[in-house]
Amino acid sequence: MKIVCYKDKILKALNSVVKGVASKTTMPILEGILIQTNDNEVKLTTYDLEIGIEYVMECEVKEQGSTVVNAIMFSEIIRKLPDTEISITLNEKNLLEIECEGSLYKLATMNPDEFPELPKIEVENSIELEQNTLKNMIRKTIFAVSTEENRPIFTGCLFEIKSNKLNIVAVDGFRLALRSMYLNKQTNDFSAVIPGKTLNEVNKILLDSFETIKIGVAKNQALFEMDNCKIVTRILDGEFLNYKNVIPENWETRIKVNKNNLQNSFERVSLISASSVEKEKKYPVKVNVDIGKVTISCTNQTGDAKEELFVSTEGKNLEAGFNPKYFLDSLKAIDDENNAKITEAWKPWVDANKAGTEVTGTVKREGNKVILTYLNNGIGYTATIPVEEGKKAYLSLTGEQCTIDNLKFAPAPAESTPAPGTEATPAPGTSATPAPGTSAAPAPGTSAKPAPGTSTEPAAKPSATPTAKPTVAPTKKPSNTKKPAKKLKSATITVKNGKKKVSSVTVKTKKSVKLAVSVNSKAKLSVAKLSKKNAKIAKVTFKKNKLTIKGLKKGKVSIKITSKKTSKYKAATKKIKVTVKK
């Protein structure tokens, strides 16, 4: 076996699969990474008999083969090597040689035939959603997963799909966390409890992007599939808590408070809850709710602390004690909607609001997202945010701060359609055809010019007799047909090599070329990954609309550039043909 690849590519693969390596085991083979070659691909696999991770990466395969090497040692060596090309060879003595510039390492290997095979899953039900959405849902529930093995079912999160709604639930006997979202595609109802350990590792691999992930379940296994990575895990047996019975339907006390202010106060008061005298004993933090005020306090042998926050309150006064860790875990999982972080999706709103004025635009709902659209110098911009059912979005910006206020959906204004065949009464002495669907009487003492083809009765007799009676043009009955949908313009993707527009480019082996990519719609651009069969390129990076292509092996390949659909422009694609020469 002999492969050649660049450090950043193999390190990315190792960072993903190393999370499936067994930490405590009596089987040394489970501490290793299975390395297998296939054409111009290398597959890395780890499996601890509970969670298995498989990652396929493209590289130059000079000799086919397979082996197992200690995962920690192998990944640490790769991590410390220079950022350049690495050669990995299995020699005749079954030692794995790692060469990079002037460095040479030799590692003992294990028999790949002894490595356990990942379970083959015949998926019965599945869902598909964006990686950033799943990452956010896991983050907001995983903290409530139990660490006590005496109740194994609570060491996982419930994935429940019901009426096309995904609910992720975690409970440890002391607290409950629930996160819900509506799915864009219709799917069957099903449920499964995924181990918290697996979800922690999945969350580390997930990208904060709109790329999708597919989750499939079988009888006792679950499968997470994303791009070139696959994760297999067992499903926990047992009956999960009926969480709906735990969540109260009615509330006796409700407060509205700035999340950051509450969290900061709780953190400061919590310092006194862990007594320096009795380190093993944890003292609860008391919360008193009075009209317009919340008092947070703690008292023990070390001292006492108290903070007051002026808030909006509803219902009864309240006095309660909380475990400070549990309370803070919940607060940290909540997004601060009054001081939201600026992401790439929000950036156009910031750019359009440098002067600090309020930015407004149209709001519409697509599935579980809210799409905010506005015009700036004739160019349309959009921002997308996930939002819960039954809510509506108001957005304002000041400088670099984004404020989302009271998210609710506003109903679209109703279109008034006149009833067919309605008639209007003309002024005395006139005969007129009213505009379709209108009926108006003139104010007393006013006169109006009659519509063409009408006649009026003069105050005095006319000196001449009209030769013909006036005719009234027939009117068409108003139509209830909908207006045709607005046709979107075709977006145009332009690729330039310097000042020259190109649709093909030539790259020398181990050399790179940089291309500038732009689109007239101002939509977000993305570059598709290379096909597995024609991987002749070492590296493709796309950042800030700059496309860098590095040649590796003589051959040809095409790169697909895609622009997203906007309010004015269709989605567009453009293929760039790349020829690698020596």
Protein backbone atom coordinates (compact mmCIF):
# COMPACT_ATOMS: atom_id res chain seq x y z
CA MET A 1 0.00 0.00 0.00
CA LYS A 2 1.22 3.47 -0.90
CA ILE A 3 -0.70 6.75 -0.92
CA VAL A 4 0.24 10.41 -1.39
CA CYS A 5 -1.89 13.27 -0.09
CA TYR A 6 -1.67 16.68 1.45
CA LYS A 7 -1.60 17.15 5.21
CA ASP A 8 -4.75 19.28 5.52
CA LYS A 9 -6.88 16.69 3.71
CA ILE A 10 -5.80 13.66 5.74
CA LEU A 11 -5.82 15.64 9.00
CA LYS A 12 -9.45 16.62 8.40
CA ALA A 13 -10.32 12.96 7.92
CA LEU A 14 -8.39 11.91 11.05
CA ASN A 15 -10.07 14.57 13.20
CA SER A 16 -13.42 13.05 12.27
CA VAL A 17 -12.71 9.33 12.66
CA VAL A 18 -10.51 9.50 15.78
CA LYS A 19 -13.68 10.21 17.79
CA GLY A 20 -14.76 6.61 17.20
CA VAL A 21 -11.61 5.08 18.75
CA ALA A 22 -12.13 3.06 21.92
CA SER A 23 -10.56 4.76 24.95
CA LYS A 24 -10.73 1.82 27.38
CA THR A 25 -10.62 -1.64 25.84
CA THR A 26 -8.95 -5.01 26.16
CA MET A 27 -8.87 -5.33 22.35
CA PRO A 28 -5.87 -3.41 20.91
CA ILE A 29 -7.39 -3.58 17.41
CA LEU A 30 -10.16 -1.18 18.56
CA GLU A 31 -7.51 1.44 19.37
CA GLY A 32 -6.53 1.55 15.72
CA ILE A 33 -7.64 3.11 12.43
CA LEU A 34 -8.44 0.82 9.54
CA ILE A 35 -6.89 2.24 6.35
CA GLN A 36 -8.22 0.87 3.04
CA THR A 37 -7.55 2.00 -0.54
CA ASN A 38 -9.89 1.88 -3.54
CA ASP A 39 -8.89 3.42 -6.90
CA ASN A 40 -8.16 7.06 -6.06
CA GLU A 41 -9.80 6.93 -2.64
CA VAL A 42 -8.74 6.08 0.89
CA LYS A 43 -11.28 4.98 3.50
CA LEU A 44 -10.51 5.51 7.20
CA THR A 45 -12.61 3.60 9.76
CA THR A 46 -12.78 3.48 13.57
CA TYR A 47 -15.19 1.39 15.67
CA ASP A 48 -15.49 0.87 19.43
CA LEU A 49 -18.44 -1.58 19.08
CA GLU A 50 -20.91 1.20 19.99
CA ILE A 51 -20.09 3.96 17.53
CA GLY A 52 -18.38 3.52 14.18
CA ILE A 53 -17.10 6.34 11.94
CA GLU A 54 -16.14 5.99 8.30
CA TYR A 55 -14.52 8.75 6.23
CA VAL A 56 -13.69 8.59 2.50
CA MET A 57 -11.12 11.01 1.09
CA GLU A 58 -9.64 11.50 -2.33
CA CYS A 59 -5.89 11.13 -2.81
CA GLU A 60 -3.28 9.63 -5.12
CA VAL A 61 -3.12 5.86 -4.62
CA LYS A 62 0.10 4.41 -6.05
CA GLU A 63 -0.31 0.93 -4.56
CA GLN A 64 -3.52 -0.69 -3.26
CA GLY A 65 -3.70 -2.28 0.18
CA SER A 66 -5.03 -2.07 3.74
CA THR A 67 -3.72 -2.01 7.30
CA VAL A 68 -4.55 -0.98 10.88
CA VAL A 69 -2.39 1.49 12.80
CA ASN A 70 -2.65 2.97 16.31
CA ALA A 71 -5.01 5.92 15.93
CA ILE A 72 -3.54 8.29 18.53
CA MET A 73 0.07 7.83 17.46
CA PHE A 74 -0.75 8.09 13.75
CA SER A 75 -2.92 11.22 14.06
CA GLU A 76 -0.43 13.02 16.34
CA ILE A 77 2.45 12.42 13.90
CA ILE A 78 0.37 13.74 10.99
CA ARG A 79 -0.66 16.76 13.10
CA LYS A 80 2.97 17.74 13.80
CA LEU A 81 4.23 17.40 10.21
CA PRO A 82 4.73 20.41 7.90
CA ASP A 83 1.82 21.64 5.77
CA THR A 84 2.80 19.89 2.60
CA GLU A 85 2.59 16.57 0.72
CA ILE A 86 2.82 13.36 2.80
CA SER A 87 3.70 9.88 1.56
CA ILE A 88 2.33 6.87 3.50
CA THR A 89 3.66 3.40 2.64
CA LEU A 90 3.18 -0.09 4.06
CA ASN A 91 6.56 -1.79 3.57
CA GLU A 92 7.43 -5.49 3.25
CA LYS A 93 7.93 -5.75 7.05
CA ASN A 94 4.36 -4.50 7.67
CA LEU A 95 5.63 -1.21 9.04
CA LEU A 96 3.77 1.96 8.09
CA GLU A 97 6.27 4.53 6.78
CA ILE A 98 5.27 8.19 6.97
CA GLU A 99 7.48 10.50 4.88
CA CYS A 100 7.29 14.28 4.64
CA GLU A 101 10.16 16.44 3.42
CA GLY A 102 13.07 15.37 5.68
CA SER A 103 10.90 13.43 8.18
CA LEU A 104 10.51 9.64 8.29
CA TYR A 105 8.43 7.66 10.81
CA LYS A 106 7.82 3.91 10.99
CA LEU A 107 4.85 2.54 12.94
CA ALA A 108 3.88 -1.04 13.81
CA THR A 109 0.63 -2.19 12.24
CA MET A 110 -2.10 -4.76 12.96
CA ASN A 111 -3.90 -7.29 10.80
CA PRO A 112 -6.81 -5.55 9.00
CA ASP A 113 -8.74 -8.85 8.85
CA GLU A 114 -9.15 -8.70 12.64
CA PHE A 115 -10.82 -5.28 12.55
CA PRO A 116 -14.57 -5.61 13.28
CA GLU A 117 -16.88 -4.78 10.40
CA LEU A 118 -19.34 -1.91 10.81
CA PRO A 119 -22.99 -3.02 11.06
CA LYS A 120 -24.87 -2.95 7.76
CA ILE A 121 -28.03 -0.92 8.29
CA GLU A 122 -31.17 -1.36 6.23
CA VAL A 123 -32.78 2.03 6.85
CA GLU A 124 -36.51 1.86 7.59
CA ASN A 125 -37.19 5.56 8.22
CA SER A 126 -35.10 8.65 7.59
CA ILE A 127 -35.08 12.46 7.72
CA GLU A 128 -32.88 15.08 6.09
CA LEU A 129 -32.01 18.51 7.45
CA GLU A 130 -29.30 21.15 7.35
CA GLN A 131 -26.17 20.49 9.41
CA ASN A 132 -26.28 23.84 11.21
CA THR A 133 -29.89 23.15 12.25
CA LEU A 134 -29.06 19.75 13.75
CA LYS A 135 -25.92 21.15 15.39
CA ASN A 136 -28.01 23.86 17.06
CA MET A 137 -30.69 21.41 18.23
CA ILE A 138 -28.13 19.04 19.76
CA ARG A 139 -26.35 21.91 21.53
CA LYS A 140 -29.60 23.03 23.13
CA THR A 141 -30.54 19.59 24.50
CA ILE A 142 -27.40 17.51 25.09
CA PHE A 143 -26.60 19.23 28.40
CA ALA A 144 -29.64 17.57 29.99
CA VAL A 145 -28.57 13.99 29.12
CA SER A 146 -28.00 11.82 32.18
CA THR A 147 -24.53 10.50 33.05
CA GLU A 148 -25.89 7.90 35.47
CA GLU A 149 -25.65 4.38 34.03
CA ASN A 150 -28.35 3.05 36.40
CA ARG A 151 -30.94 4.51 33.98
CA PRO A 152 -29.42 3.79 30.56
CA ILE A 153 -32.38 5.13 28.56
CA PHE A 154 -31.76 8.63 29.97
CA THR A 155 -28.14 8.61 28.73
CA GLY A 156 -29.47 9.35 25.26
CA CYS A 157 -31.66 11.88 23.44
CA LEU A 158 -35.08 11.02 22.08
CA PHE A 159 -35.45 11.74 18.34
CA GLU A 160 -39.20 11.84 17.74
CA ILE A 161 -40.85 12.60 14.41
CA LYS A 162 -44.59 13.19 14.71
CA SER A 163 -46.86 14.98 12.23
CA ASN A 164 -43.79 16.07 10.25
CA LYS A 165 -42.29 17.71 13.35
CA LEU A 166 -38.91 16.73 14.80
CA ASN A 167 -38.62 16.79 18.60
CA ILE A 168 -35.28 16.20 20.33
CA VAL A 169 -35.69 15.57 24.07
CA ALA A 170 -33.15 15.01 26.85
CA VAL A 171 -33.90 14.31 30.53
CA ASP A 172 -31.73 13.29 33.49
CA GLY A 173 -34.35 13.06 36.24
CA PHE A 174 -33.78 16.63 37.42
CA ARG A 175 -34.32 18.69 34.28
CA LEU A 176 -35.72 18.37 30.78
CA ALA A 177 -34.63 19.99 27.51
CA LEU A 178 -36.83 20.02 24.41
CA ARG A 179 -36.11 21.44 20.95
CA SER A 180 -38.57 21.21 18.05
CA MET A 181 -38.70 22.09 14.38
CA TYR A 182 -40.96 21.39 11.42
CA LEU A 183 -39.46 19.38 8.56
CA ASN A 184 -39.60 20.62 4.98
CA LYS A 185 -40.26 17.16 3.52
CA GLN A 186 -43.11 14.85 4.48
CA THR A 187 -41.92 11.81 6.42
CA ASN A 188 -43.29 8.92 8.46
CA ASP A 189 -43.70 9.09 12.23
CA PHE A 190 -40.99 7.27 14.17
CA SER A 191 -38.81 7.61 17.26
CA ALA A 192 -35.39 6.47 18.46
CA VAL A 193 -33.15 7.15 21.46
CA ILE A 194 -29.60 8.00 20.33
CA PRO A 195 -26.76 7.72 22.89
CA GLY A 196 -25.53 11.07 24.18
CA LYS A 197 -21.92 10.00 23.52
CA THR A 198 -22.72 9.54 19.84
CA LEU A 199 -24.47 12.91 19.57
CA ASN A 200 -21.49 14.63 21.20
CA GLU A 201 -19.20 13.20 18.52
CA VAL A 202 -21.67 13.92 15.72
CA ASN A 203 -21.91 17.52 16.93
CA LYS A 204 -18.11 17.91 16.68
CA ILE A 205 -18.13 16.68 13.07
CA LEU A 206 -21.14 18.72 11.93
CA LEU A 207 -20.40 21.88 9.98
CA ASP A 208 -22.00 25.22 10.73
CA SER A 209 -23.36 25.36 7.19
CA PHE A 210 -26.46 24.72 5.07
CA GLU A 211 -25.07 21.39 3.83
CA THR A 212 -27.46 18.54 4.59
CA ILE A 213 -27.21 15.49 6.81
CA LYS A 214 -29.35 12.37 6.51
CA ILE A 215 -30.44 10.46 9.63
CA GLY A 216 -31.71 6.93 9.12
CA VAL A 217 -32.91 4.39 11.70
CA ALA A 218 -33.42 0.65 11.68
CA LYS A 219 -34.54 -1.72 14.45
CA ASN A 220 -31.51 -1.29 16.72
CA GLN A 221 -29.12 0.95 14.76
CA ALA A 222 -28.99 4.55 13.56
CA LEU A 223 -27.03 6.03 10.67
CA PHE A 224 -25.79 9.62 10.17
CA GLU A 225 -24.65 10.38 6.61
CA MET A 226 -23.03 13.62 5.47
CA ASP A 227 -20.97 14.25 2.38
CA ASN A 228 -18.00 11.84 2.66
CA CYS A 229 -18.52 10.84 6.33
CA LYS A 230 -20.75 8.12 7.80
CA ILE A 231 -21.49 7.44 11.50
CA VAL A 232 -23.13 4.23 12.75
CA THR A 233 -24.43 3.86 16.30
CA ARG A 234 -26.65 1.58 18.34
CA ILE A 235 -30.09 2.70 19.52
CA LEU A 236 -30.82 2.53 23.26
CA ASP A 237 -33.43 0.01 24.38
CA GLY A 238 -36.22 0.89 26.76
CA GLU A 239 -39.18 3.20 27.14
CA PHE A 240 -38.40 6.93 27.23
CA LEU A 241 -40.15 9.33 29.59
CA ASN A 242 -43.54 10.67 28.48
CA TYR A 243 -42.16 14.20 28.43
CA LYS A 244 -45.43 15.85 27.44
CA ASN A 245 -46.91 15.00 30.84
CA VAL A 246 -43.97 16.73 32.56
CA ILE A 247 -44.32 20.07 30.77
CA PRO A 248 -47.08 22.15 32.42
CA GLU A 249 -49.71 23.66 30.13
CA ASN A 250 -50.46 26.63 32.36
CA TRP A 251 -48.07 28.96 34.19
CA GLU A 252 -48.61 30.72 37.50
CA THR A 253 -45.60 33.04 37.23
CA ARG A 254 -43.88 34.49 34.18
CA ILE A 255 -41.04 37.02 33.85
CA LYS A 256 -39.50 38.74 30.85
CA VAL A 257 -35.81 39.44 31.37
CA ASN A 258 -32.68 40.06 29.32
CA LYS A 259 -30.96 36.68 29.08
CA ASN A 260 -27.41 38.04 29.41
CA ASN A 261 -28.25 40.13 32.47
CA LEU A 262 -29.88 37.15 34.21
CA GLN A 263 -26.99 34.83 33.33
CA ASN A 264 -24.33 37.28 34.54
CA SER A 265 -26.15 37.85 37.84
CA PHE A 266 -26.60 34.12 38.39
CA GLU A 267 -22.92 33.42 37.67
CA ARG A 268 -21.78 36.04 40.16
CA VAL A 269 -24.11 34.86 42.91
CA SER A 270 -23.19 31.21 42.21
CA LEU A 271 -19.61 31.94 43.24
CA ILE A 272 -20.76 31.95 46.83
CA SER A 273 -22.86 28.76 46.48
CA ALA A 274 -19.75 26.54 46.49
CA SER A 275 -18.52 27.03 50.04
CA SER A 276 -14.77 27.17 50.56
CA VAL A 277 -15.32 25.64 54.00
CA GLU A 278 -17.52 22.75 52.89
CA LYS A 279 -16.31 22.06 49.36
CA GLU A 280 -18.48 18.98 48.99
CA LYS A 281 -21.71 20.79 49.77
CA LYS A 282 -23.50 22.85 47.16
CA TYR A 283 -25.88 25.54 48.30
CA PRO A 284 -28.87 26.43 46.15
CA VAL A 285 -29.34 29.87 44.68
CA LYS A 286 -32.66 31.42 45.71
CA VAL A 287 -34.81 33.34 43.24
CA ASN A 288 -37.56 35.66 44.52
CA VAL A 289 -40.02 37.10 42.02
CA ASP A 290 -41.95 40.19 43.10
CA ILE A 291 -43.87 42.77 41.11
CA GLY A 292 -41.44 44.20 38.57
CA LYS A 293 -38.36 42.73 40.30
CA VAL A 294 -36.32 39.53 40.58
CA THR A 295 -33.93 38.98 43.50
CA ILE A 296 -31.15 36.37 43.17
CA SER A 297 -29.37 35.42 46.41
CA CYS A 298 -27.27 32.81 48.21
CA THR A 299 -26.15 32.49 51.84
CA ASN A 300 -23.73 30.06 53.52
CA GLN A 301 -20.86 29.95 56.04
CA THR A 302 -18.55 31.74 53.64
CA GLY A 303 -20.79 34.76 53.13
CA ASP A 304 -23.82 35.92 51.22
CA ALA A 305 -24.61 37.52 47.86
CA LYS A 306 -27.66 39.27 46.46
CA GLU A 307 -28.50 40.91 43.14
CA GLU A 308 -31.67 42.56 41.92
CA LEU A 309 -32.98 42.84 38.38
CA PHE A 310 -35.91 45.01 37.36
CA VAL A 311 -38.04 42.99 34.96
CA SER A 312 -41.53 42.59 33.57
CA THR A 313 -43.58 40.11 35.65
CA GLU A 314 -46.91 38.33 35.23
CA GLY A 315 -48.92 36.23 37.68
CA LYS A 316 -48.10 35.30 41.28
CA ASN A 317 -45.02 36.14 43.35
CA LEU A 318 -42.55 33.26 43.56
CA GLU A 319 -39.78 32.01 45.85
CA ALA A 320 -37.71 29.02 44.69
CA GLY A 321 -34.23 27.49 45.04
CA PHE A 322 -32.23 26.24 42.05
CA ASN A 323 -29.15 24.14 41.48
CA PRO A 324 -26.90 26.86 40.00
CA LYS A 325 -25.23 24.48 37.52
CA TYR A 326 -28.54 23.23 36.12
CA PHE A 327 -29.94 26.75 35.88
CA LEU A 328 -26.86 28.13 34.10
CA ASP A 329 -26.71 25.17 31.70
CA SER A 330 -30.23 26.05 30.59
CA LEU A 331 -29.43 29.73 30.17
CA LYS A 332 -26.29 29.02 28.14
CA ALA A 333 -28.31 26.87 25.73
CA ILE A 334 -30.64 29.79 24.97
CA ASP A 335 -29.73 32.13 22.13
CA ASP A 336 -29.67 35.75 23.08
CA GLU A 337 -32.24 37.06 20.59
CA ASN A 338 -31.88 40.61 21.86
CA ASN A 339 -28.20 40.69 20.97
CA ALA A 340 -27.77 38.14 18.22
CA LYS A 341 -24.36 37.32 16.76
CA ILE A 342 -23.67 38.48 13.24
CA THR A 343 -23.29 35.57 10.83
CA GLU A 344 -22.80 35.49 7.08
CA ALA A 345 -26.58 35.30 6.63
CA TRP A 346 -27.04 38.60 8.50
CA LYS A 347 -24.07 40.41 6.97
CA PRO A 348 -26.01 42.12 4.13
CA TRP A 349 -28.31 43.69 6.70
CA VAL A 350 -25.32 45.05 8.58
CA ASP A 351 -23.73 46.40 5.41
CA ALA A 352 -26.91 48.21 4.48
CA ASN A 353 -27.23 49.77 7.91
CA LYS A 354 -23.82 51.35 8.53
CA ALA A 355 -25.46 54.67 9.26
CA GLY A 356 -27.45 53.10 12.11
CA THR A 357 -30.91 53.52 10.56
CA GLU A 358 -33.56 50.85 10.89
CA VAL A 359 -33.59 48.29 8.10
CA THR A 360 -36.94 46.87 7.05
CA GLY A 361 -38.03 44.54 4.31
CA THR A 362 -40.48 41.81 3.44
CA VAL A 363 -40.92 38.74 5.61
CA LYS A 364 -42.13 35.34 4.47
CA ARG A 365 -42.09 31.82 5.83
CA GLU A 366 -40.60 28.77 4.12
CA GLY A 367 -41.03 25.66 6.24
CA ASN A 368 -39.36 26.32 9.58
CA LYS A 369 -37.41 29.36 8.36
CA VAL A 370 -38.13 33.04 8.02
CA ILE A 371 -36.76 34.75 4.92
CA LEU A 372 -36.15 38.49 5.26
CA THR A 373 -35.67 40.39 2.01
CA TYR A 374 -34.81 44.02 1.29
CA LEU A 375 -33.50 46.22 -1.53
CA ASN A 376 -30.25 48.16 -1.42
CA ASN A 377 -29.33 50.22 -4.47
CA GLY A 378 -31.66 48.13 -6.57
CA ILE A 379 -30.06 44.84 -5.49
CA GLY A 380 -32.07 42.34 -3.46
CA TYR A 381 -30.59 40.80 -0.32
CA THR A 382 -31.94 38.01 1.84
CA ALA A 383 -31.30 36.71 5.36
CA THR A 384 -32.58 33.37 6.65
CA ILE A 385 -33.29 32.50 10.28
CA PRO A 386 -34.90 29.43 11.87
CA VAL A 387 -37.99 30.34 13.86
CA GLU A 388 -40.53 28.43 15.87
CA GLU A 389 -44.05 27.71 14.72
CA GLY A 390 -46.56 30.53 15.10
CA LYS A 391 -44.04 33.33 15.25
CA LYS A 392 -43.37 36.47 13.24
CA ALA A 393 -40.09 38.33 12.62
CA TYR A 394 -39.14 41.93 13.16
CA LEU A 395 -35.56 42.91 12.58
CA SER A 396 -33.59 46.07 13.20
CA LEU A 397 -29.89 46.82 13.17
CA THR A 398 -27.66 49.42 14.72
CA GLY A 399 -24.09 49.35 13.50
CA GLU A 400 -22.80 45.82 14.19
CA GLN A 401 -25.62 44.81 16.53
CA CYS A 402 -28.58 42.77 15.32
CA THR A 403 -31.81 42.95 17.28
CA ILE A 404 -34.60 40.46 16.70
CA ASP A 405 -37.74 41.54 18.48
CA ASN A 406 -40.76 39.44 19.38
CA LEU A 407 -40.65 36.87 16.60
CA LYS A 408 -44.15 36.35 15.23
CA PHE A 409 -45.66 35.84 11.83
CA ALA A 410 -47.72 38.66 10.35
CA PRO A 411 -50.60 37.47 8.14
CA ALA A 412 -50.30 38.51 4.55
CA PRO A 413 -52.68 41.37 3.60
CA ALA A 414 -55.86 40.02 2.09
CA GLU A 415 -56.42 40.79 -1.57
CA SER A 416 -59.82 42.30 -2.24
CA THR A 417 -61.48 40.73 -5.28
CA PRO A 418 -64.72 42.29 -6.50
CA ALA A 419 -67.74 40.13 -6.94
CA PRO A 420 -68.40 39.46 -10.60
CA GLY A 421 -71.17 41.54 -12.15
CA THR A 422 -71.27 44.32 -9.58
CA GLU A 423 -72.75 47.63 -10.81
CA ALA A 424 -72.44 51.21 -9.69
CA THR A 425 -75.21 53.85 -9.62
CA PRO A 426 -74.29 56.91 -11.74
CA ALA A 427 -75.07 60.51 -10.77
CA PRO A 428 -78.56 61.74 -11.74
CA GLY A 429 -78.83 62.35 -15.40
CA THR A 430 -75.77 60.32 -16.32
CA SER A 431 -75.21 56.91 -17.72
CA ALA A 432 -71.71 55.49 -17.03
CA THR A 433 -69.91 52.24 -16.74
CA PRO A 434 -68.08 52.08 -13.38
CA ALA A 435 -64.66 50.57 -12.95
CA PRO A 436 -64.98 46.87 -12.15
CA GLY A 437 -65.76 46.25 -8.52
CA THR A 438 -66.34 49.91 -7.58
CA SER A 439 -69.45 51.77 -6.48
CA ALA A 440 -69.40 55.47 -5.73
CA ALA A 441 -71.95 58.30 -5.38
CA PRO A 442 -70.77 61.91 -5.85
CA ALA A 443 -70.84 64.31 -2.97
CA PRO A 444 -73.85 66.67 -2.94
CA GLY A 445 -73.38 69.73 -5.02
CA THR A 446 -70.53 68.30 -7.06
CA SER A 447 -70.44 67.40 -10.73
CA ALA A 448 -68.17 65.00 -12.50
CA LYS A 449 -67.16 64.64 -16.12
CA PRO A 450 -68.97 61.60 -17.47
CA ALA A 451 -67.05 58.65 -18.78
CA PRO A 452 -66.64 58.40 -22.57
CA GLY A 453 -69.76 57.12 -24.24
CA THR A 454 -72.14 58.53 -21.61
CA SER A 455 -74.74 61.32 -21.88
CA THR A 456 -75.86 63.91 -19.36
CA GLU A 457 -79.14 65.85 -19.13
CA PRO A 458 -78.44 69.58 -19.69
CA ALA A 459 -80.05 72.29 -17.56
CA ALA A 460 -81.48 73.99 -20.70
CA LYS A 461 -82.80 72.53 -23.88
CA PRO A 462 -80.08 72.02 -26.45
CA SER A 463 -80.11 74.11 -29.64
CA ALA A 464 -79.40 71.07 -31.72
CA THR A 465 -80.87 67.65 -31.74
CA PRO A 466 -78.31 64.89 -31.48
CA THR A 467 -78.16 62.78 -34.61
CA ALA A 468 -77.57 59.53 -32.78
CA LYS A 469 -78.10 58.11 -29.39
CA PRO A 470 -74.93 57.59 -27.32
CA THR A 471 -73.74 54.09 -27.00
CA VAL A 472 -72.25 52.48 -23.89
CA ALA A 473 -69.32 50.16 -24.39
CA PRO A 474 -70.00 46.78 -22.83
CA THR A 475 -67.88 45.98 -19.84
CA LYS A 476 -66.16 42.71 -19.13
CA LYS A 477 -66.95 40.92 -15.95
CA PRO A 478 -64.07 41.01 -13.49
CA SER A 479 -61.96 37.90 -13.59
CA ASN A 480 -60.98 35.92 -10.52
CA THR A 481 -57.92 34.45 -12.19
CA LYS A 482 -54.67 34.86 -10.27
CA LYS A 483 -51.92 37.06 -11.55
CA PRO A 484 -49.21 35.12 -13.34
CA ALA A 485 -46.18 34.37 -11.20
CA LYS A 486 -43.33 36.81 -11.61
CA LYS A 487 -40.67 35.42 -13.88
CA LEU A 488 -37.24 35.36 -12.33
CA LYS A 489 -34.21 36.55 -14.25
CA SER A 490 -31.46 34.10 -15.06
CA ALA A 491 -28.40 34.55 -12.87
CA THR A 492 -25.03 34.70 -14.63
CA ILE A 493 -21.89 33.25 -13.04
CA THR A 494 -18.63 34.75 -14.30
CA VAL A 495 -15.19 33.17 -13.81
CA LYS A 496 -12.07 35.22 -14.52
CA ASN A 497 -8.42 34.22 -14.76
CA GLY A 498 -6.89 37.65 -14.26
CA LYS A 499 -8.89 39.96 -16.54
CA LYS A 500 -9.92 37.21 -18.95
CA LYS A 501 -13.27 35.39 -18.68
CA VAL A 502 -12.77 31.61 -18.79
CA SER A 503 -14.81 28.41 -18.89
CA SER A 504 -11.72 26.18 -18.85
CA VAL A 505 -8.29 26.39 -17.28
CA THR A 506 -4.98 24.52 -17.40
CA VAL A 507 -3.02 23.70 -14.24
CA LYS A 508 0.45 22.24 -13.97
CA THR A 509 1.06 19.39 -11.54
CA LYS A 510 1.87 20.58 -8.02
CA LYS A 511 1.12 24.13 -9.14
CA SER A 512 -1.94 26.22 -8.47
CA VAL A 513 -4.09 28.75 -10.28
CA LYS A 514 -6.43 31.32 -8.75
CA LEU A 515 -9.75 32.31 -10.31
CA ALA A 516 -12.17 35.12 -9.41
CA VAL A 517 -15.84 34.07 -9.31
CA SER A 518 -18.79 36.49 -9.35
CA VAL A 519 -22.54 36.38 -9.96
CA ASN A 520 -24.86 39.20 -11.00
CA SER A 521 -27.54 38.17 -8.49
CA LYS A 522 -25.39 38.73 -5.40
CA ALA A 523 -26.40 35.24 -4.29
CA LYS A 524 -24.28 32.92 -2.18
CA LEU A 525 -21.93 30.79 -4.28
CA SER A 526 -20.71 27.27 -3.60
CA VAL A 527 -18.34 24.88 -5.34
CA ALA A 528 -19.22 21.22 -5.78
CA LYS A 529 -16.73 18.55 -4.78
CA LEU A 530 -14.81 16.62 -7.39
CA SER A 531 -16.12 13.40 -8.82
CA LYS A 532 -14.52 10.31 -7.35
CA LYS A 533 -13.50 8.83 -10.70
CA ASN A 534 -11.65 11.85 -12.04
CA ALA A 535 -9.90 13.21 -8.98
CA LYS A 536 -6.81 14.68 -10.63
CA ILE A 537 -6.69 17.76 -8.45
CA ALA A 538 -4.92 17.93 -5.12
CA LYS A 539 -6.84 20.77 -3.57
CA VAL A 540 -9.75 23.05 -4.31
CA THR A 541 -10.50 25.98 -1.99
CA PHE A 542 -13.25 28.55 -2.35
CA LYS A 543 -13.13 31.54 -0.01
CA LYS A 544 -14.45 35.06 -0.47
CA ASN A 545 -15.34 34.21 -4.09
CA LYS A 546 -11.71 33.23 -4.81
CA LEU A 547 -11.33 29.73 -6.33
CA THR A 548 -7.90 28.10 -5.94
CA ILE A 549 -7.14 24.91 -7.87
CA LYS A 550 -3.98 22.88 -7.28
CA GLY A 551 -2.95 20.18 -9.75
CA LEU A 552 -1.81 16.74 -8.70
CA LYS A 553 -2.02 14.16 -11.47
CA LYS A 554 -2.25 14.54 -15.22
CA GLY A 555 -5.85 14.38 -16.40
CA LYS A 556 -9.12 16.29 -16.77
CA VAL A 557 -11.93 17.12 -14.37
CA SER A 558 -14.81 19.60 -14.14
CA ILE A 559 -15.73 21.79 -11.20
CA LYS A 560 -19.35 22.83 -10.65
CA ILE A 561 -20.10 26.33 -9.32
CA THR A 562 -23.63 26.99 -8.05
CA SER A 563 -25.49 30.16 -7.05
CA LYS A 564 -28.52 30.03 -4.78
CA LYS A 565 -31.97 31.25 -5.81
CA THR A 566 -32.89 34.81 -4.76
CA SER A 567 -36.08 36.88 -4.88
CA LYS A 568 -35.18 38.17 -8.37
CA TYR A 569 -32.85 35.58 -9.85
CA LYS A 570 -33.02 31.87 -10.59
CA ALA A 571 -30.40 29.49 -9.26
CA ALA A 572 -27.56 29.08 -11.73
CA THR A 573 -24.69 26.66 -12.36
CA LYS A 574 -21.46 26.89 -14.28
CA LYS A 575 -18.93 24.17 -15.00
CA ILE A 576 -15.23 24.89 -15.28
CA LYS A 577 -13.17 22.32 -17.16
CA VAL A 578 -9.75 21.79 -15.59
CA THR A 579 -6.84 20.19 -17.41
CA VAL A 580 -3.80 19.13 -15.38
CA LYS A 581 -0.53 18.95 -17.32
CA LYS A 582 3.04 18.18 -16.32
